[in-house]
Amino acid sequence: GLSAFRTFLKTEFSEENLEFWVACEEYKKTPSVNKLPAKAQCIFQEFLQTGAPREVNIDHQTREHTRLQISAACRNCFDAAQEQTRILMEKDSYPRFLKSPI
């Protein structure tokens, strides 16, 4: 399942895509609206900011759009970036995972 896919992504040095996707899903489920702004900043700084420790590969327009959206800290502010990351995993990483021995 998910842990096997995560293990595979680590071998490809691309686990940040899955980690970002999971962080976005957890963000959407945050029960306290008051915690959303701080969580949004953390996710942006960890995965989306240029030079971020675990920077995901998304286009500049989406990165900029997301940066502007997080100031509102709405639950769907990462949707566009998350969708780009999902598509990348679906079309690139996941087919290779299915063919791997993991």
PDB file of N, CA and C in Angstrom:
ATOM      1  N   GLY A   1       0.795  -1.173   0.000  1.00  0.00           N
ATOM      2  CA  GLY A   1       0.000   0.000   0.000  1.00  0.00           C
ATOM      3  C   GLY A   1       0.852   1.256   0.000  1.00  0.00           C
ATOM      4  N   LEU A   2       0.407   2.187   0.804  1.00  0.00           N
ATOM      5  CA  LEU A   2       1.041   3.500   0.879  1.00  0.00           C
ATOM      6  C   LEU A   2       2.489   3.414   1.345  1.00  0.00           C
ATOM      7  N   SER A   3       2.761   2.571   2.322  1.00  0.00           N
ATOM      8  CA  SER A   3       4.137   2.487   2.836  1.00  0.00           C
ATOM      9  C   SER A   3       5.076   1.886   1.791  1.00  0.00           C
ATOM     10  N   ALA A   4       4.598   0.943   0.985  1.00  0.00           N
ATOM     11  CA  ALA A   4       5.429   0.370  -0.082  1.00  0.00           C
ATOM     12  C   ALA A   4       5.724   1.425  -1.144  1.00  0.00           C
ATOM     13  N   PHE A   5       4.719   2.227  -1.488  1.00  0.00           N
ATOM     14  CA  PHE A   5       4.919   3.301  -2.469  1.00  0.00           C
ATOM     15  C   PHE A   5       5.910   4.323  -1.924  1.00  0.00           C
ATOM     16  N   ARG A   6       5.778   4.661  -0.644  1.00  0.00           N
ATOM     17  CA  ARG A   6       6.703   5.605  -0.006  1.00  0.00           C
ATOM     18  C   ARG A   6       8.137   5.057  -0.049  1.00  0.00           C
ATOM     19  N   THR A   7       8.300   3.782   0.250  1.00  0.00           N
ATOM     20  CA  THR A   7       9.621   3.146   0.200  1.00  0.00           C
ATOM     21  C   THR A   7      10.198   3.227  -1.207  1.00  0.00           C
ATOM     22  N   PHE A   8       9.366   2.948  -2.203  1.00  0.00           N
ATOM     23  CA  PHE A   8       9.813   3.038  -3.592  1.00  0.00           C
ATOM     24  C   PHE A   8      10.252   4.461  -3.929  1.00  0.00           C
ATOM     25  N   LEU A   9       9.448   5.453  -3.539  1.00  0.00           N
ATOM     26  CA  LEU A   9       9.782   6.846  -3.842  1.00  0.00           C
ATOM     27  C   LEU A   9      11.104   7.250  -3.200  1.00  0.00           C
ATOM     28  N   LYS A  10      11.387   6.722  -2.016  1.00  0.00           N
ATOM     29  CA  LYS A  10      12.667   7.011  -1.366  1.00  0.00           C
ATOM     30  C   LYS A  10      13.829   6.497  -2.199  1.00  0.00           C
ATOM     31  N   THR A  11      13.654   5.346  -2.841  1.00  0.00           N
ATOM     32  CA  THR A  11      14.732   4.812  -3.680  1.00  0.00           C
ATOM     33  C   THR A  11      14.956   5.689  -4.906  1.00  0.00           C
ATOM     34  N   GLU A  12      13.933   6.435  -5.293  1.00  0.00           N
ATOM     35  CA  GLU A  12      14.032   7.337  -6.443  1.00  0.00           C
ATOM     36  C   GLU A  12      14.311   8.778  -6.017  1.00  0.00           C
ATOM     37  N   PHE A  13      14.483   8.997  -4.741  1.00  0.00           N
ATOM     38  CA  PHE A  13      14.701  10.337  -4.189  1.00  0.00           C
ATOM     39  C   PHE A  13      13.571  11.291  -4.583  1.00  0.00           C
ATOM     40  N   SER A  14      12.342  10.800  -4.535  1.00  0.00           N
ATOM     41  CA  SER A  14      11.198  11.649  -4.876  1.00  0.00           C
ATOM     42  C   SER A  14      10.047  11.498  -3.889  1.00  0.00           C
ATOM     43  N   GLU A  15      10.366  11.110  -2.653  1.00  0.00           N
ATOM     44  CA  GLU A  15       9.304  10.925  -1.663  1.00  0.00           C
ATOM     45  C   GLU A  15       8.637  12.231  -1.264  1.00  0.00           C
ATOM     46  N   GLU A  16       9.275  13.373  -1.580  1.00  0.00           N
ATOM     47  CA  GLU A  16       8.672  14.662  -1.223  1.00  0.00           C
ATOM     48  C   GLU A  16       7.312  14.847  -1.886  1.00  0.00           C
ATOM     49  N   ASN A  17       7.098  14.260  -3.056  1.00  0.00           N
ATOM     50  CA  ASN A  17       5.803  14.388  -3.724  1.00  0.00           C
ATOM     51  C   ASN A  17       4.689  13.754  -2.893  1.00  0.00           C
ATOM     52  N   LEU A  18       4.923  12.549  -2.429  1.00  0.00           N
ATOM     53  CA  LEU A  18       3.927  11.873  -1.599  1.00  0.00           C
ATOM     54  C   LEU A  18       3.783  12.566  -0.247  1.00  0.00           C
ATOM     55  N   GLU A  19       4.886  12.970   0.343  1.00  0.00           N
ATOM     56  CA  GLU A  19       4.838  13.652   1.647  1.00  0.00           C
ATOM     57  C   GLU A  19       4.032  14.950   1.541  1.00  0.00           C
ATOM     58  N   PHE A  20       4.220  15.687   0.445  1.00  0.00           N
ATOM     59  CA  PHE A  20       3.454  16.917   0.232  1.00  0.00           C
ATOM     60  C   PHE A  20       1.970  16.592   0.087  1.00  0.00           C
ATOM     61  N   TRP A  21       1.660  15.576  -0.712  1.00  0.00           N
ATOM     62  CA  TRP A  21       0.269  15.201  -0.934  1.00  0.00           C
ATOM     63  C   TRP A  21      -0.404  14.830   0.392  1.00  0.00           C
ATOM     64  N   VAL A  22       0.283  14.034   1.203  1.00  0.00           N
ATOM     65  CA  VAL A  22      -0.250  13.623   2.510  1.00  0.00           C
ATOM     66  C   VAL A  22      -0.414  14.840   3.424  1.00  0.00           C
ATOM     67  N   ALA A  23       0.568  15.741   3.432  1.00  0.00           N
ATOM     68  CA  ALA A  23       0.481  16.951   4.265  1.00  0.00           C
ATOM     69  C   ALA A  23      -0.737  17.785   3.874  1.00  0.00           C
ATOM     70  N   CYS A  24      -1.023  17.872   2.582  1.00  0.00           N
ATOM     71  CA  CYS A  24      -2.196  18.624   2.119  1.00  0.00           C
ATOM     72  C   CYS A  24      -3.492  17.965   2.572  1.00  0.00           C
ATOM     73  N   GLU A  25      -3.544  16.645   2.502  1.00  0.00           N
ATOM     74  CA  GLU A  25      -4.737  15.927   2.958  1.00  0.00           C
ATOM     75  C   GLU A  25      -4.957  16.146   4.457  1.00  0.00           C
ATOM     76  N   GLU A  26      -3.892  16.088   5.231  1.00  0.00           N
ATOM     77  CA  GLU A  26      -3.997  16.330   6.674  1.00  0.00           C
ATOM     78  C   GLU A  26      -4.409  17.774   6.951  1.00  0.00           C
ATOM     79  N   TYR A  27      -3.876  18.698   6.174  1.00  0.00           N
ATOM     80  CA  TYR A  27      -4.220  20.116   6.318  1.00  0.00           C
ATOM     81  C   TYR A  27      -5.725  20.311   6.135  1.00  0.00           C
ATOM     82  N   LYS A  28      -6.288  19.697   5.103  1.00  0.00           N
ATOM     83  CA  LYS A  28      -7.724  19.839   4.818  1.00  0.00           C
ATOM     84  C   LYS A  28      -8.586  19.311   5.958  1.00  0.00           C
ATOM     85  N   LYS A  29      -8.060  18.351   6.708  1.00  0.00           N
ATOM     86  CA  LYS A  29      -8.820  17.728   7.798  1.00  0.00           C
ATOM     87  C   LYS A  29      -8.577  18.393   9.147  1.00  0.00           C
ATOM     88  N   THR A  30      -7.788  19.457   9.174  1.00  0.00           N
ATOM     89  CA  THR A  30      -7.505  20.152  10.428  1.00  0.00           C
ATOM     90  C   THR A  30      -8.813  20.652  11.032  1.00  0.00           C
ATOM     91  N   PRO A  31      -9.154  20.196  12.234  1.00  0.00           N
ATOM     92  CA  PRO A  31     -10.441  20.583  12.816  1.00  0.00           C
ATOM     93  C   PRO A  31     -10.515  22.062  13.216  1.00  0.00           C
ATOM     94  N   SER A  32      -9.417  22.617  13.663  1.00  0.00           N
ATOM     95  CA  SER A  32      -9.424  23.998  14.144  1.00  0.00           C
ATOM     96  C   SER A  32      -9.016  24.972  13.034  1.00  0.00           C
ATOM     97  N   VAL A  33      -9.945  25.834  12.658  1.00  0.00           N
ATOM     98  CA  VAL A  33      -9.672  26.847  11.636  1.00  0.00           C
ATOM     99  C   VAL A  33      -8.531  27.760  12.083  1.00  0.00           C
ATOM    100  N   ASN A  34      -8.401  27.961  13.389  1.00  0.00           N
ATOM    101  CA  ASN A  34      -7.345  28.834  13.917  1.00  0.00           C
ATOM    102  C   ASN A  34      -5.942  28.298  13.638  1.00  0.00           C
ATOM    103  N   LYS A  35      -5.817  26.982  13.443  1.00  0.00           N
ATOM    104  CA  LYS A  35      -4.503  26.382  13.193  1.00  0.00           C
ATOM    105  C   LYS A  35      -4.117  26.391  11.714  1.00  0.00           C
ATOM    106  N   LEU A  36      -5.075  26.684  10.834  1.00  0.00           N
ATOM    107  CA  LEU A  36      -4.809  26.627   9.398  1.00  0.00           C
ATOM    108  C   LEU A  36      -3.705  27.582   8.934  1.00  0.00           C
ATOM    109  N   PRO A  37      -3.692  28.855   9.351  1.00  0.00           N
ATOM    110  CA  PRO A  37      -2.638  29.748   8.846  1.00  0.00           C
ATOM    111  C   PRO A  37      -1.220  29.256   9.141  1.00  0.00           C
ATOM    112  N   ALA A  38      -0.970  28.801  10.352  1.00  0.00           N
ATOM    113  CA  ALA A  38       0.371  28.327  10.715  1.00  0.00           C
ATOM    114  C   ALA A  38       0.714  27.052   9.952  1.00  0.00           C
ATOM    115  N   LYS A  39      -0.252  26.146   9.823  1.00  0.00           N
ATOM    116  CA  LYS A  39      -0.013  24.909   9.078  1.00  0.00           C
ATOM    117  C   LYS A  39       0.255  25.203   7.607  1.00  0.00           C
ATOM    118  N   ALA A  40      -0.500  26.137   7.045  1.00  0.00           N
ATOM    119  CA  ALA A  40      -0.313  26.500   5.633  1.00  0.00           C
ATOM    120  C   ALA A  40       1.098  27.035   5.407  1.00  0.00           C
ATOM    121  N   GLN A  41       1.558  27.890   6.308  1.00  0.00           N
ATOM    122  CA  GLN A  41       2.918  28.434   6.190  1.00  0.00           C
ATOM    123  C   GLN A  41       3.961  27.325   6.275  1.00  0.00           C
ATOM    124  N   CYS A  42       3.776  26.406   7.197  1.00  0.00           N
ATOM    125  CA  CYS A  42       4.730  25.295   7.356  1.00  0.00           C
ATOM    126  C   CYS A  42       4.806  24.449   6.093  1.00  0.00           C
ATOM    127  N   ILE A  43       3.655  24.121   5.532  1.00  0.00           N
ATOM    128  CA  ILE A  43       3.629  23.309   4.311  1.00  0.00           C
ATOM    129  C   ILE A  43       4.305  24.064   3.174  1.00  0.00           C
ATOM    130  N   PHE A  44       3.979  25.336   3.038  1.00  0.00           N
ATOM    131  CA  PHE A  44       4.577  26.127   1.961  1.00  0.00           C
ATOM    132  C   PHE A  44       6.095  26.184   2.108  1.00  0.00           C
ATOM    133  N   GLN A  45       6.567  26.462   3.309  1.00  0.00           N
ATOM    134  CA  GLN A  45       8.010  26.577   3.538  1.00  0.00           C
ATOM    135  C   GLN A  45       8.735  25.246   3.373  1.00  0.00           C
ATOM    136  N   GLU A  46       8.082  24.159   3.696  1.00  0.00           N
ATOM    137  CA  GLU A  46       8.711  22.835   3.606  1.00  0.00           C
ATOM    138  C   GLU A  46       8.749  22.282   2.183  1.00  0.00           C
ATOM    139  N   PHE A  47       7.681  22.580   1.391  1.00  0.00           N
ATOM    140  CA  PHE A  47       7.544  21.919   0.101  1.00  0.00           C
ATOM    141  C   PHE A  47       7.469  22.837  -1.119  1.00  0.00           C
ATOM    142  N   LEU A  48       7.017  24.065  -0.969  1.00  0.00           N
ATOM    143  CA  LEU A  48       6.723  24.883  -2.145  1.00  0.00           C
ATOM    144  C   LEU A  48       7.628  26.092  -2.337  1.00  0.00           C
ATOM    145  N   GLN A  49       8.111  26.637  -1.272  1.00  0.00           N
ATOM    146  CA  GLN A  49       8.978  27.809  -1.373  1.00  0.00           C
ATOM    147  C   GLN A  49      10.212  27.452  -2.207  1.00  0.00           C
ATOM    148  N   THR A  50      10.664  28.359  -3.048  1.00  0.00           N
ATOM    149  CA  THR A  50      11.867  28.111  -3.835  1.00  0.00           C
ATOM    150  C   THR A  50      13.025  27.805  -2.897  1.00  0.00           C
ATOM    151  N   GLY A  51      13.673  26.677  -3.122  1.00  0.00           N
ATOM    152  CA  GLY A  51      14.779  26.256  -2.263  1.00  0.00           C
ATOM    153  C   GLY A  51      14.338  25.554  -0.993  1.00  0.00           C
ATOM    154  N   ALA A  52      13.057  25.181  -0.915  1.00  0.00           N
ATOM    155  CA  ALA A  52      12.521  24.498   0.274  1.00  0.00           C
ATOM    156  C   ALA A  52      13.266  23.185   0.517  1.00  0.00           C
ATOM    157  N   PRO A  53      13.329  22.744   1.780  1.00  0.00           N
ATOM    158  CA  PRO A  53      14.050  21.504   2.101  1.00  0.00           C
ATOM    159  C   PRO A  53      13.575  20.292   1.292  1.00  0.00           C
ATOM    160  N   ARG A  54      12.262  20.209   1.055  1.00  0.00           N
ATOM    161  CA  ARG A  54      11.711  19.081   0.286  1.00  0.00           C
ATOM    162  C   ARG A  54      10.855  19.624  -0.864  1.00  0.00           C
ATOM    163  N   GLU A  55      11.460  20.504  -1.637  1.00  0.00           N
ATOM    164  CA  GLU A  55      10.740  21.210  -2.701  1.00  0.00           C
ATOM    165  C   GLU A  55      10.170  20.248  -3.742  1.00  0.00           C
ATOM    166  N   VAL A  56       8.869  20.406  -4.019  1.00  0.00           N
ATOM    167  CA  VAL A  56       8.223  19.596  -5.050  1.00  0.00           C
ATOM    168  C   VAL A  56       8.313  20.318  -6.392  1.00  0.00           C
ATOM    169  N   ASN A  57       8.194  19.541  -7.447  1.00  0.00           N
ATOM    170  CA  ASN A  57       8.346  20.066  -8.796  1.00  0.00           C
ATOM    171  C   ASN A  57       6.989  20.498  -9.346  1.00  0.00           C
ATOM    172  N   ILE A  58       6.675  21.788  -9.190  1.00  0.00           N
ATOM    173  CA  ILE A  58       5.455  22.351  -9.766  1.00  0.00           C
ATOM    174  C   ILE A  58       5.845  23.599 -10.543  1.00  0.00           C
ATOM    175  N   ASP A  59       4.953  24.040 -11.424  1.00  0.00           N
ATOM    176  CA  ASP A  59       5.296  25.207 -12.235  1.00  0.00           C
ATOM    177  C   ASP A  59       5.224  26.499 -11.417  1.00  0.00           C
ATOM    178  N   HIS A  60       5.912  27.510 -11.926  1.00  0.00           N
ATOM    179  CA  HIS A  60       6.021  28.787 -11.214  1.00  0.00           C
ATOM    180  C   HIS A  60       4.650  29.425 -10.982  1.00  0.00           C
ATOM    181  N   GLN A  61       3.787  29.360 -11.973  1.00  0.00           N
ATOM    182  CA  GLN A  61       2.462  29.976 -11.856  1.00  0.00           C
ATOM    183  C   GLN A  61       1.666  29.351 -10.707  1.00  0.00           C
ATOM    184  N   THR A  62       1.699  28.045 -10.597  1.00  0.00           N
ATOM    185  CA  THR A  62       0.981  27.355  -9.516  1.00  0.00           C
ATOM    186  C   THR A  62       1.609  27.675  -8.168  1.00  0.00           C
ATOM    187  N   ARG A  63       2.928  27.715  -8.126  1.00  0.00           N
ATOM    188  CA  ARG A  63       3.636  28.057  -6.885  1.00  0.00           C
ATOM    189  C   ARG A  63       3.223  29.459  -6.413  1.00  0.00           C
ATOM    190  N   GLU A  64       3.189  30.405  -7.347  1.00  0.00           N
ATOM    191  CA  GLU A  64       2.834  31.788  -7.010  1.00  0.00           C
ATOM    192  C   GLU A  64       1.363  31.886  -6.605  1.00  0.00           C
ATOM    193  N   HIS A  65       0.499  31.200  -7.331  1.00  0.00           N
ATOM    194  CA  HIS A  65      -0.937  31.179  -7.011  1.00  0.00           C
ATOM    195  C   HIS A  65      -1.148  30.637  -5.589  1.00  0.00           C
ATOM    196  N   THR A  66      -0.447  29.564  -5.269  1.00  0.00           N
ATOM    197  CA  THR A  66      -0.576  28.952  -3.944  1.00  0.00           C
ATOM    198  C   THR A  66      -0.056  29.890  -2.866  1.00  0.00           C
ATOM    199  N   ARG A  67       1.062  30.550  -3.143  1.00  0.00           N
ATOM    200  CA  ARG A  67       1.619  31.501  -2.172  1.00  0.00           C
ATOM    201  C   ARG A  67       0.586  32.575  -1.831  1.00  0.00           C
ATOM    202  N   LEU A  68      -0.122  33.065  -2.831  1.00  0.00           N
ATOM    203  CA  LEU A  68      -1.146  34.086  -2.597  1.00  0.00           C
ATOM    204  C   LEU A  68      -2.358  33.494  -1.871  1.00  0.00           C
ATOM    205  N   GLN A  69      -2.711  32.265  -2.187  1.00  0.00           N
ATOM    206  CA  GLN A  69      -3.870  31.613  -1.572  1.00  0.00           C
ATOM    207  C   GLN A  69      -3.679  31.335  -0.084  1.00  0.00           C
ATOM    208  N   ILE A  70      -2.454  31.020   0.319  1.00  0.00           N
ATOM    209  CA  ILE A  70      -2.277  30.631   1.724  1.00  0.00           C
ATOM    210  C   ILE A  70      -2.482  31.795   2.684  1.00  0.00           C
ATOM    211  N   SER A  71      -2.439  33.018   2.177  1.00  0.00           N
ATOM    212  CA  SER A  71      -2.716  34.147   3.072  1.00  0.00           C
ATOM    213  C   SER A  71      -4.159  34.091   3.567  1.00  0.00           C
ATOM    214  N   ALA A  72      -5.045  33.497   2.773  1.00  0.00           N
ATOM    215  CA  ALA A  72      -6.441  33.322   3.191  1.00  0.00           C
ATOM    216  C   ALA A  72      -6.600  32.077   4.060  1.00  0.00           C
ATOM    217  N   ALA A  73      -5.622  31.176   3.998  1.00  0.00           N
ATOM    218  CA  ALA A  73      -5.614  29.936   4.789  1.00  0.00           C
ATOM    219  C   ALA A  73      -6.924  29.162   4.666  1.00  0.00           C
ATOM    220  N   CYS A  74      -7.438  29.079   3.447  1.00  0.00           N
ATOM    221  CA  CYS A  74      -8.635  28.272   3.233  1.00  0.00           C
ATOM    222  C   CYS A  74      -8.222  26.814   3.050  1.00  0.00           C
ATOM    223  N   ARG A  75      -9.144  25.921   3.251  1.00  0.00           N
ATOM    224  CA  ARG A  75      -8.825  24.489   3.208  1.00  0.00           C
ATOM    225  C   ARG A  75      -8.385  24.005   1.825  1.00  0.00           C
ATOM    226  N   ASN A  76      -8.754  24.729   0.784  1.00  0.00           N
ATOM    227  CA  ASN A  76      -8.399  24.286  -0.567  1.00  0.00           C
ATOM    228  C   ASN A  76      -7.255  25.096  -1.189  1.00  0.00           C
ATOM    229  N   CYS A  77      -6.495  25.818  -0.385  1.00  0.00           N
ATOM    230  CA  CYS A  77      -5.446  26.685  -0.936  1.00  0.00           C
ATOM    231  C   CYS A  77      -4.309  25.916  -1.607  1.00  0.00           C
ATOM    232  N   PHE A  78      -4.153  24.638  -1.301  1.00  0.00           N
ATOM    233  CA  PHE A  78      -3.086  23.836  -1.911  1.00  0.00           C
ATOM    234  C   PHE A  78      -3.589  22.953  -3.054  1.00  0.00           C
ATOM    235  N   ASP A  79      -4.863  23.053  -3.392  1.00  0.00           N
ATOM    236  CA  ASP A  79      -5.452  22.123  -4.362  1.00  0.00           C
ATOM    237  C   ASP A  79      -4.718  22.077  -5.698  1.00  0.00           C
ATOM    238  N   ALA A  80      -4.390  23.223  -6.269  1.00  0.00           N
ATOM    239  CA  ALA A  80      -3.731  23.242  -7.587  1.00  0.00           C
ATOM    240  C   ALA A  80      -2.353  22.592  -7.517  1.00  0.00           C
ATOM    241  N   ALA A  81      -1.586  22.923  -6.500  1.00  0.00           N
ATOM    242  CA  ALA A  81      -0.249  22.337  -6.338  1.00  0.00           C
ATOM    243  C   ALA A  81      -0.354  20.846  -6.039  1.00  0.00           C
ATOM    244  N   GLN A  82      -1.319  20.482  -5.230  1.00  0.00           N
ATOM    245  CA  GLN A  82      -1.513  19.072  -4.889  1.00  0.00           C
ATOM    246  C   GLN A  82      -1.909  18.274  -6.135  1.00  0.00           C
ATOM    247  N   GLU A  83      -2.740  18.854  -6.970  1.00  0.00           N
ATOM    248  CA  GLU A  83      -3.162  18.174  -8.196  1.00  0.00           C
ATOM    249  C   GLU A  83      -1.978  17.971  -9.143  1.00  0.00           C
ATOM    250  N   GLN A  84      -1.124  18.971  -9.288  1.00  0.00           N
ATOM    251  CA  GLN A  84       0.064  18.811 -10.139  1.00  0.00           C
ATOM    252  C   GLN A  84       0.954  17.690  -9.618  1.00  0.00           C
ATOM    253  N   THR A  85       1.114  17.630  -8.328  1.00  0.00           N
ATOM    254  CA  THR A  85       1.947  16.595  -7.719  1.00  0.00           C
ATOM    255  C   THR A  85       1.312  15.217  -7.903  1.00  0.00           C
ATOM    256  N   ARG A  86       0.003  15.132  -7.753  1.00  0.00           N
ATOM    257  CA  ARG A  86      -0.706  13.861  -7.950  1.00  0.00           C
ATOM    258  C   ARG A  86      -0.532  13.364  -9.380  1.00  0.00           C
ATOM    259  N   ILE A  87      -0.702  14.257 -10.331  1.00  0.00           N
ATOM    260  CA  ILE A  87      -0.556  13.883 -11.742  1.00  0.00           C
ATOM    261  C   ILE A  87       0.861  13.396 -12.022  1.00  0.00           C
ATOM    262  N   LEU A  88       1.842  14.081 -11.472  1.00  0.00           N
ATOM    263  CA  LEU A  88       3.237  13.668 -11.660  1.00  0.00           C
ATOM    264  C   LEU A  88       3.462  12.255 -11.123  1.00  0.00           C
ATOM    265  N   MET A  89       2.956  11.991  -9.925  1.00  0.00           N
ATOM    266  CA  MET A  89       3.114  10.646  -9.353  1.00  0.00           C
ATOM    267  C   MET A  89       2.350   9.610 -10.181  1.00  0.00           C
ATOM    268  N   GLU A  90       1.138   9.963 -10.592  1.00  0.00           N
ATOM    269  CA  GLU A  90       0.288   9.031 -11.332  1.00  0.00           C
ATOM    270  C   GLU A  90       0.887   8.659 -12.688  1.00  0.00           C
ATOM    271  N   LYS A  91       1.448   9.636 -13.376  1.00  0.00           N
ATOM    272  CA  LYS A  91       1.954   9.396 -14.727  1.00  0.00           C
ATOM    273  C   LYS A  91       3.416   8.970 -14.758  1.00  0.00           C
ATOM    274  N   ASP A  92       4.160   9.254 -13.700  1.00  0.00           N
ATOM    275  CA  ASP A  92       5.594   8.996 -13.710  1.00  0.00           C
ATOM    276  C   ASP A  92       5.998   7.944 -12.673  1.00  0.00           C
ATOM    277  N   SER A  93       5.864   8.269 -11.416  1.00  0.00           N
ATOM    278  CA  SER A  93       6.354   7.400 -10.342  1.00  0.00           C
ATOM    279  C   SER A  93       5.538   6.122 -10.183  1.00  0.00           C
ATOM    280  N   TYR A  94       4.225   6.232 -10.214  1.00  0.00           N
ATOM    281  CA  TYR A  94       3.381   5.071  -9.928  1.00  0.00           C
ATOM    282  C   TYR A  94       3.553   3.942 -10.954  1.00  0.00           C
ATOM    283  N   PRO A  95       3.577   4.239 -12.261  1.00  0.00           N
ATOM    284  CA  PRO A  95       3.814   3.142 -13.213  1.00  0.00           C
ATOM    285  C   PRO A  95       5.153   2.431 -12.976  1.00  0.00           C
ATOM    286  N   ARG A  96       6.194   3.174 -12.619  1.00  0.00           N
ATOM    287  CA  ARG A  96       7.490   2.553 -12.326  1.00  0.00           C
ATOM    288  C   ARG A  96       7.407   1.719 -11.047  1.00  0.00           C
ATOM    289  N   PHE A  97       6.649   2.213 -10.068  1.00  0.00           N
ATOM    290  CA  PHE A  97       6.442   1.467  -8.820  1.00  0.00           C
ATOM    291  C   PHE A  97       5.788   0.111  -9.105  1.00  0.00           C
ATOM    292  N   LEU A  98       4.774   0.118  -9.963  1.00  0.00           N
ATOM    293  CA  LEU A  98       4.070  -1.127 -10.281  1.00  0.00           C
ATOM    294  C   LEU A  98       4.995  -2.162 -10.923  1.00  0.00           C
ATOM    295  N   LYS A  99       6.012  -1.698 -11.636  1.00  0.00           N
ATOM    296  CA  LYS A  99       6.962  -2.603 -12.300  1.00  0.00           C
ATOM    297  C   LYS A  99       8.147  -2.970 -11.410  1.00  0.00           C
ATOM    298  N   SER A 100       8.248  -2.315 -10.262  1.00  0.00           N
ATOM    299  CA  SER A 100       9.401  -2.534  -9.383  1.00  0.00           C
ATOM    300  C   SER A 100       9.213  -3.793  -8.533  1.00  0.00           C
ATOM    301  N   PRO A 101      10.308  -4.319  -7.987  1.00  0.00           N
ATOM    302  CA  PRO A 101      10.202  -5.505  -7.124  1.00  0.00           C
ATOM    303  C   PRO A 101       9.703  -5.197  -5.709  1.00  0.00           C
ATOM    304  N   ILE A 102       9.516  -3.929  -5.372  1.00  0.00           N
ATOM    305  CA  ILE A 102       9.082  -3.549  -4.014  1.00  0.00           C
ATOM    306  C   ILE A 102       7.625  -3.927  -3.813  1.00  0.00           C
TER     307      ILE A 102
END
